[in-house]
Protein backbone atom coordinates (compact mmCIF):
# COMPACT_ATOMS: atom_id res chain seq x y z
CA UNK A 1 0.00 0.00 0.00
CA UNK A 2 1.42 3.36 -0.97
CA UNK A 3 0.77 6.52 1.00
CA UNK A 4 -1.87 8.87 -0.38
CA UNK A 5 -1.26 12.57 -0.97
CA UNK A 6 -1.61 14.43 2.34
CA UNK A 7 -3.12 17.88 2.84
CA UNK A 8 -4.72 19.75 5.74
CA UNK A 9 -8.51 19.91 5.66
CA UNK A 10 -9.77 23.51 5.44
CA UNK A 11 -12.68 23.80 7.90
CA UNK A 12 -13.61 27.31 6.73
CA UNK A 13 -14.19 26.22 3.12
CA UNK A 14 -15.62 22.83 4.22
CA UNK A 15 -14.21 21.27 1.04
CA UNK A 16 -11.60 18.56 0.52
CA UNK A 17 -8.91 19.55 -2.00
CA UNK A 18 -6.15 17.75 -3.89
CA UNK A 19 -2.63 19.11 -3.18
CA UNK A 20 -1.34 18.31 -6.71
CA UNK A 21 -4.06 19.88 -8.86
CA UNK A 22 -3.42 23.57 -9.64
CA UNK A 23 -7.06 24.57 -9.35
CA UNK A 24 -7.45 22.69 -6.03
CA UNK A 25 -9.31 19.72 -7.51
CA UNK A 26 -12.33 18.50 -5.60
CA UNK A 27 -12.01 15.20 -3.74
CA UNK A 28 -14.69 12.55 -3.51
CA UNK A 29 -14.70 11.35 0.13
CA UNK A 30 -14.50 7.58 0.73
CA UNK A 31 -14.49 7.64 4.53
CA UNK A 32 -12.62 8.53 7.69
CA UNK A 33 -9.49 7.02 9.15
CA UNK A 34 -6.05 7.61 10.58
CA UNK A 35 -2.44 7.32 9.43
CA UNK A 36 0.62 6.72 11.63
CA UNK A 37 3.79 8.27 10.21
CA UNK A 38 7.06 7.29 11.94
CA UNK A 39 9.21 10.19 13.14
CA UNK A 40 12.07 8.34 14.81
CA UNK A 41 13.11 5.56 17.13
CA UNK A 42 15.74 4.85 19.74
CA UNK A 43 16.56 5.65 23.35
CA UNK A 44 15.54 9.03 24.77
CA UNK A 45 18.06 10.85 26.98
CA UNK A 46 17.70 9.70 30.58
CA UNK A 47 15.35 6.83 29.70
CA UNK A 48 16.20 3.11 29.67
CA UNK A 49 13.34 2.03 27.39
CA UNK A 50 13.39 1.79 23.61
CA UNK A 51 10.74 4.11 22.13
CA UNK A 52 9.18 4.85 18.74
CA UNK A 53 7.82 8.32 17.96
CA UNK A 54 4.88 8.57 15.55
CA UNK A 55 2.69 11.30 14.15
CA UNK A 56 -0.94 10.13 14.21
CA UNK A 57 -3.12 12.02 11.74
CA UNK A 58 -6.90 11.64 11.70
CA UNK A 59 -9.04 12.80 8.82
CA UNK A 60 -10.82 11.91 5.59
CA UNK A 61 -9.74 9.57 2.78
CA UNK A 62 -10.84 10.26 -0.76
CA UNK A 63 -10.02 10.33 -4.45
CA UNK A 64 -9.46 13.40 -6.62
CA UNK A 65 -12.06 13.82 -9.35
CA UNK A 66 -9.57 15.58 -11.68
CA UNK A 67 -6.38 13.46 -11.51
CA UNK A 68 -7.75 10.29 -9.85
CA UNK A 69 -5.08 10.08 -7.12
CA UNK A 70 -5.80 8.99 -3.54
CA UNK A 71 -5.86 11.92 -1.07
CA UNK A 72 -5.88 12.13 2.72
CA UNK A 73 -7.12 15.42 4.23
CA UNK A 74 -6.13 15.48 7.90
CA UNK A 75 -8.09 17.35 10.56
CA UNK A 76 -6.04 16.58 13.69
CA UNK A 77 -2.50 15.41 14.26
CA UNK A 78 -0.74 14.31 17.40
CA UNK A 79 2.75 13.12 18.36
CA UNK A 80 2.70 9.72 20.09
CA UNK A 81 5.44 7.81 21.92
CA UNK A 82 5.11 4.04 22.00
CA UNK A 83 7.32 1.54 23.78
CA UNK A 84 7.37 -1.80 21.88
CA UNK A 85 7.01 -4.57 24.45
CA UNK A 86 8.82 -7.17 22.35
CA UNK A 87 12.02 -5.10 22.09
CA UNK A 88 11.98 -3.87 25.68
CA UNK A 89 11.45 -7.41 27.06
CA UNK A 90 14.52 -8.60 25.12
CA UNK A 91 16.57 -5.70 26.53
CA UNK A 92 15.65 -6.67 30.10
CA UNK A 93 17.25 -10.13 29.74
C-alpha atoms as a PDB file:
ATOM      1  CA  UNK A   1       0.000   0.000   0.000  1.00  0.00           C
ATOM      2  CA  UNK A   2       1.419   3.364  -0.972  1.00  0.00           C
ATOM      3  CA  UNK A   3       0.766   6.517   0.997  1.00  0.00           C
ATOM      4  CA  UNK A   4      -1.867   8.873  -0.382  1.00  0.00           C
ATOM      5  CA  UNK A   5      -1.257  12.570  -0.972  1.00  0.00           C
ATOM      6  CA  UNK A   6      -1.605  14.435   2.336  1.00  0.00           C
ATOM      7  CA  UNK A   7      -3.123  17.884   2.844  1.00  0.00           C
ATOM      8  CA  UNK A   8      -4.722  19.753   5.744  1.00  0.00           C
ATOM      9  CA  UNK A   9      -8.513  19.911   5.660  1.00  0.00           C
ATOM     10  CA  UNK A  10      -9.773  23.511   5.435  1.00  0.00           C
ATOM     11  CA  UNK A  11     -12.682  23.805   7.900  1.00  0.00           C
ATOM     12  CA  UNK A  12     -13.612  27.313   6.728  1.00  0.00           C
ATOM     13  CA  UNK A  13     -14.194  26.219   3.120  1.00  0.00           C
ATOM     14  CA  UNK A  14     -15.616  22.827   4.223  1.00  0.00           C
ATOM     15  CA  UNK A  15     -14.212  21.274   1.039  1.00  0.00           C
ATOM     16  CA  UNK A  16     -11.599  18.555   0.523  1.00  0.00           C
ATOM     17  CA  UNK A  17      -8.914  19.552  -2.004  1.00  0.00           C
ATOM     18  CA  UNK A  18      -6.146  17.751  -3.894  1.00  0.00           C
ATOM     19  CA  UNK A  19      -2.627  19.108  -3.179  1.00  0.00           C
ATOM     20  CA  UNK A  20      -1.337  18.307  -6.708  1.00  0.00           C
ATOM     21  CA  UNK A  21      -4.061  19.884  -8.856  1.00  0.00           C
ATOM     22  CA  UNK A  22      -3.415  23.567  -9.640  1.00  0.00           C
ATOM     23  CA  UNK A  23      -7.056  24.567  -9.348  1.00  0.00           C
ATOM     24  CA  UNK A  24      -7.447  22.689  -6.034  1.00  0.00           C
ATOM     25  CA  UNK A  25      -9.305  19.723  -7.507  1.00  0.00           C
ATOM     26  CA  UNK A  26     -12.329  18.502  -5.598  1.00  0.00           C
ATOM     27  CA  UNK A  27     -12.008  15.203  -3.743  1.00  0.00           C
ATOM     28  CA  UNK A  28     -14.688  12.547  -3.513  1.00  0.00           C
ATOM     29  CA  UNK A  29     -14.703  11.354   0.131  1.00  0.00           C
ATOM     30  CA  UNK A  30     -14.504   7.580   0.731  1.00  0.00           C
ATOM     31  CA  UNK A  31     -14.491   7.642   4.534  1.00  0.00           C
ATOM     32  CA  UNK A  32     -12.617   8.534   7.687  1.00  0.00           C
ATOM     33  CA  UNK A  33      -9.489   7.023   9.153  1.00  0.00           C
ATOM     34  CA  UNK A  34      -6.046   7.613  10.583  1.00  0.00           C
ATOM     35  CA  UNK A  35      -2.438   7.319   9.426  1.00  0.00           C
ATOM     36  CA  UNK A  36       0.617   6.724  11.631  1.00  0.00           C
ATOM     37  CA  UNK A  37       3.790   8.267  10.210  1.00  0.00           C
ATOM     38  CA  UNK A  38       7.063   7.290  11.942  1.00  0.00           C
ATOM     39  CA  UNK A  39       9.211  10.193  13.140  1.00  0.00           C
ATOM     40  CA  UNK A  40      12.068   8.342  14.814  1.00  0.00           C
ATOM     41  CA  UNK A  41      13.108   5.555  17.130  1.00  0.00           C
ATOM     42  CA  UNK A  42      15.741   4.852  19.736  1.00  0.00           C
ATOM     43  CA  UNK A  43      16.562   5.654  23.346  1.00  0.00           C
ATOM     44  CA  UNK A  44      15.537   9.033  24.771  1.00  0.00           C
ATOM     45  CA  UNK A  45      18.060  10.851  26.985  1.00  0.00           C
ATOM     46  CA  UNK A  46      17.699   9.702  30.579  1.00  0.00           C
ATOM     47  CA  UNK A  47      15.353   6.833  29.701  1.00  0.00           C
ATOM     48  CA  UNK A  48      16.200   3.114  29.669  1.00  0.00           C
ATOM     49  CA  UNK A  49      13.342   2.026  27.394  1.00  0.00           C
ATOM     50  CA  UNK A  50      13.392   1.791  23.607  1.00  0.00           C
ATOM     51  CA  UNK A  51      10.740   4.108  22.127  1.00  0.00           C
ATOM     52  CA  UNK A  52       9.179   4.847  18.745  1.00  0.00           C
ATOM     53  CA  UNK A  53       7.820   8.323  17.958  1.00  0.00           C
ATOM     54  CA  UNK A  54       4.885   8.572  15.554  1.00  0.00           C
ATOM     55  CA  UNK A  55       2.692  11.304  14.153  1.00  0.00           C
ATOM     56  CA  UNK A  56      -0.941  10.134  14.212  1.00  0.00           C
ATOM     57  CA  UNK A  57      -3.119  12.024  11.743  1.00  0.00           C
ATOM     58  CA  UNK A  58      -6.895  11.637  11.702  1.00  0.00           C
ATOM     59  CA  UNK A  59      -9.044  12.800   8.825  1.00  0.00           C
ATOM     60  CA  UNK A  60     -10.817  11.905   5.587  1.00  0.00           C
ATOM     61  CA  UNK A  61      -9.735   9.573   2.778  1.00  0.00           C
ATOM     62  CA  UNK A  62     -10.836  10.258  -0.763  1.00  0.00           C
ATOM     63  CA  UNK A  63     -10.020  10.330  -4.454  1.00  0.00           C
ATOM     64  CA  UNK A  64      -9.458  13.399  -6.619  1.00  0.00           C
ATOM     65  CA  UNK A  65     -12.061  13.823  -9.346  1.00  0.00           C
ATOM     66  CA  UNK A  66      -9.569  15.576 -11.684  1.00  0.00           C
ATOM     67  CA  UNK A  67      -6.383  13.462 -11.510  1.00  0.00           C
ATOM     68  CA  UNK A  68      -7.750  10.291  -9.849  1.00  0.00           C
ATOM     69  CA  UNK A  69      -5.084  10.078  -7.120  1.00  0.00           C
ATOM     70  CA  UNK A  70      -5.795   8.992  -3.538  1.00  0.00           C
ATOM     71  CA  UNK A  71      -5.864  11.917  -1.074  1.00  0.00           C
ATOM     72  CA  UNK A  72      -5.877  12.127   2.723  1.00  0.00           C
ATOM     73  CA  UNK A  73      -7.124  15.418   4.229  1.00  0.00           C
ATOM     74  CA  UNK A  74      -6.128  15.480   7.904  1.00  0.00           C
ATOM     75  CA  UNK A  75      -8.092  17.349  10.560  1.00  0.00           C
ATOM     76  CA  UNK A  76      -6.038  16.585  13.691  1.00  0.00           C
ATOM     77  CA  UNK A  77      -2.504  15.412  14.260  1.00  0.00           C
ATOM     78  CA  UNK A  78      -0.742  14.308  17.395  1.00  0.00           C
ATOM     79  CA  UNK A  79       2.752  13.118  18.364  1.00  0.00           C
ATOM     80  CA  UNK A  80       2.697   9.724  20.090  1.00  0.00           C
ATOM     81  CA  UNK A  81       5.443   7.813  21.921  1.00  0.00           C
ATOM     82  CA  UNK A  82       5.109   4.040  21.997  1.00  0.00           C
ATOM     83  CA  UNK A  83       7.316   1.541  23.781  1.00  0.00           C
ATOM     84  CA  UNK A  84       7.367  -1.797  21.883  1.00  0.00           C
ATOM     85  CA  UNK A  85       7.014  -4.567  24.451  1.00  0.00           C
ATOM     86  CA  UNK A  86       8.818  -7.171  22.352  1.00  0.00           C
ATOM     87  CA  UNK A  87      12.020  -5.099  22.091  1.00  0.00           C
ATOM     88  CA  UNK A  88      11.976  -3.869  25.680  1.00  0.00           C
ATOM     89  CA  UNK A  89      11.447  -7.413  27.056  1.00  0.00           C
ATOM     90  CA  UNK A  90      14.522  -8.602  25.117  1.00  0.00           C
ATOM     91  CA  UNK A  91      16.566  -5.699  26.527  1.00  0.00           C
ATOM     92  CA  UNK A  92      15.646  -6.670  30.099  1.00  0.00           C
ATOM     93  CA  UNK A  93      17.249 -10.129  29.735  1.00  0.00           C
END
